[in-house]
């Protein structure tokens, strides 16, 4: 049995209360992982091209106030 299959089996066996707690934990875990990846990408300059496109569009009057 793979690790993923083991996790799936354990999740399927959870009570509704355990599943709710797991969902909350996983949402926090996933958000933190995404934030960390975003920060690494930003620090490495991987988002610079996208920022440049957005700024050029704004300067050309292609944006509006939210």
Protein backbone atom coordinates (compact mmCIF):
# COMPACT_ATOMS: atom_id res chain seq x y z
CA UNK A 1 0.00 0.00 0.00
CA UNK A 2 1.38 3.42 -0.95
CA UNK A 3 1.53 6.29 1.53
CA UNK A 4 -1.27 8.03 -0.37
CA UNK A 5 -3.47 4.96 -0.23
CA UNK A 6 -2.80 4.72 3.51
CA UNK A 7 -3.78 8.35 4.01
CA UNK A 8 -6.93 7.85 1.92
CA UNK A 9 -7.88 4.82 3.99
CA UNK A 10 -7.35 6.73 7.23
CA UNK A 11 -9.38 9.71 6.02
CA UNK A 12 -12.23 7.46 4.95
CA UNK A 13 -12.30 5.95 8.45
CA UNK A 14 -12.58 9.32 10.23
CA UNK A 15 -15.66 10.32 12.15
CA UNK A 16 -17.46 13.47 10.95
CA UNK A 17 -15.85 15.45 13.79
CA UNK A 18 -12.38 14.13 12.95
CA UNK A 19 -12.94 14.88 9.28
CA UNK A 20 -13.98 18.45 10.08
CA UNK A 21 -10.85 18.93 12.19
CA UNK A 22 -8.71 17.40 9.46
CA UNK A 23 -10.22 19.72 6.83
CA UNK A 24 -9.43 22.76 8.99
CA UNK A 25 -5.87 21.55 9.60
CA UNK A 26 -5.31 20.73 5.93
CA UNK A 27 -6.63 24.12 4.80
CA UNK A 28 -4.13 25.86 7.11
CA UNK A 29 -1.33 23.51 5.98
CA UNK A 30 -2.12 24.05 2.29
CA UNK A 31 -2.34 27.84 2.67
CA UNK A 32 1.03 27.96 4.43
CA UNK A 33 2.64 25.79 1.73
CA UNK A 34 1.18 28.01 -1.02
CA UNK A 35 2.34 31.19 0.75
CA UNK A 36 5.86 29.77 1.11
CA UNK A 37 6.01 28.82 -2.57
CA UNK A 38 4.69 32.23 -3.61
CA UNK A 39 7.35 33.98 -1.48
CA UNK A 40 10.12 31.81 -2.98
CA UNK A 41 8.91 32.52 -6.50
CA UNK A 42 8.62 36.25 -5.81
CA UNK A 43 12.09 36.39 -4.27
CA UNK A 44 13.52 34.52 -7.25
CA UNK A 45 11.98 37.03 -9.66
CA UNK A 46 9.61 34.52 -11.22
CA UNK A 47 6.71 36.99 -10.97
CA UNK A 48 8.54 40.01 -12.37
CA UNK A 49 7.32 39.50 -15.94
CA UNK A 50 3.70 39.29 -14.78
CA UNK A 51 4.11 42.42 -12.67
CA UNK A 52 5.61 44.20 -15.68
CA UNK A 53 2.63 43.30 -17.87
CA UNK A 54 0.21 44.50 -15.18
CA UNK A 55 2.06 47.79 -14.68
CA UNK A 56 2.26 48.44 -18.42
CA UNK A 57 -1.46 47.78 -18.77
CA UNK A 58 -2.19 50.15 -15.89
CA UNK A 59 0.01 52.88 -17.39
CA UNK A 60 -1.85 52.43 -20.70
CA UNK A 61 -5.14 53.12 -18.92
CA UNK A 62 -6.37 49.53 -19.09
CA UNK A 63 -7.19 49.27 -15.39
CA UNK A 64 -9.81 50.73 -13.11
CA UNK A 65 -10.44 51.31 -9.42
CA UNK A 66 -11.94 48.42 -7.55
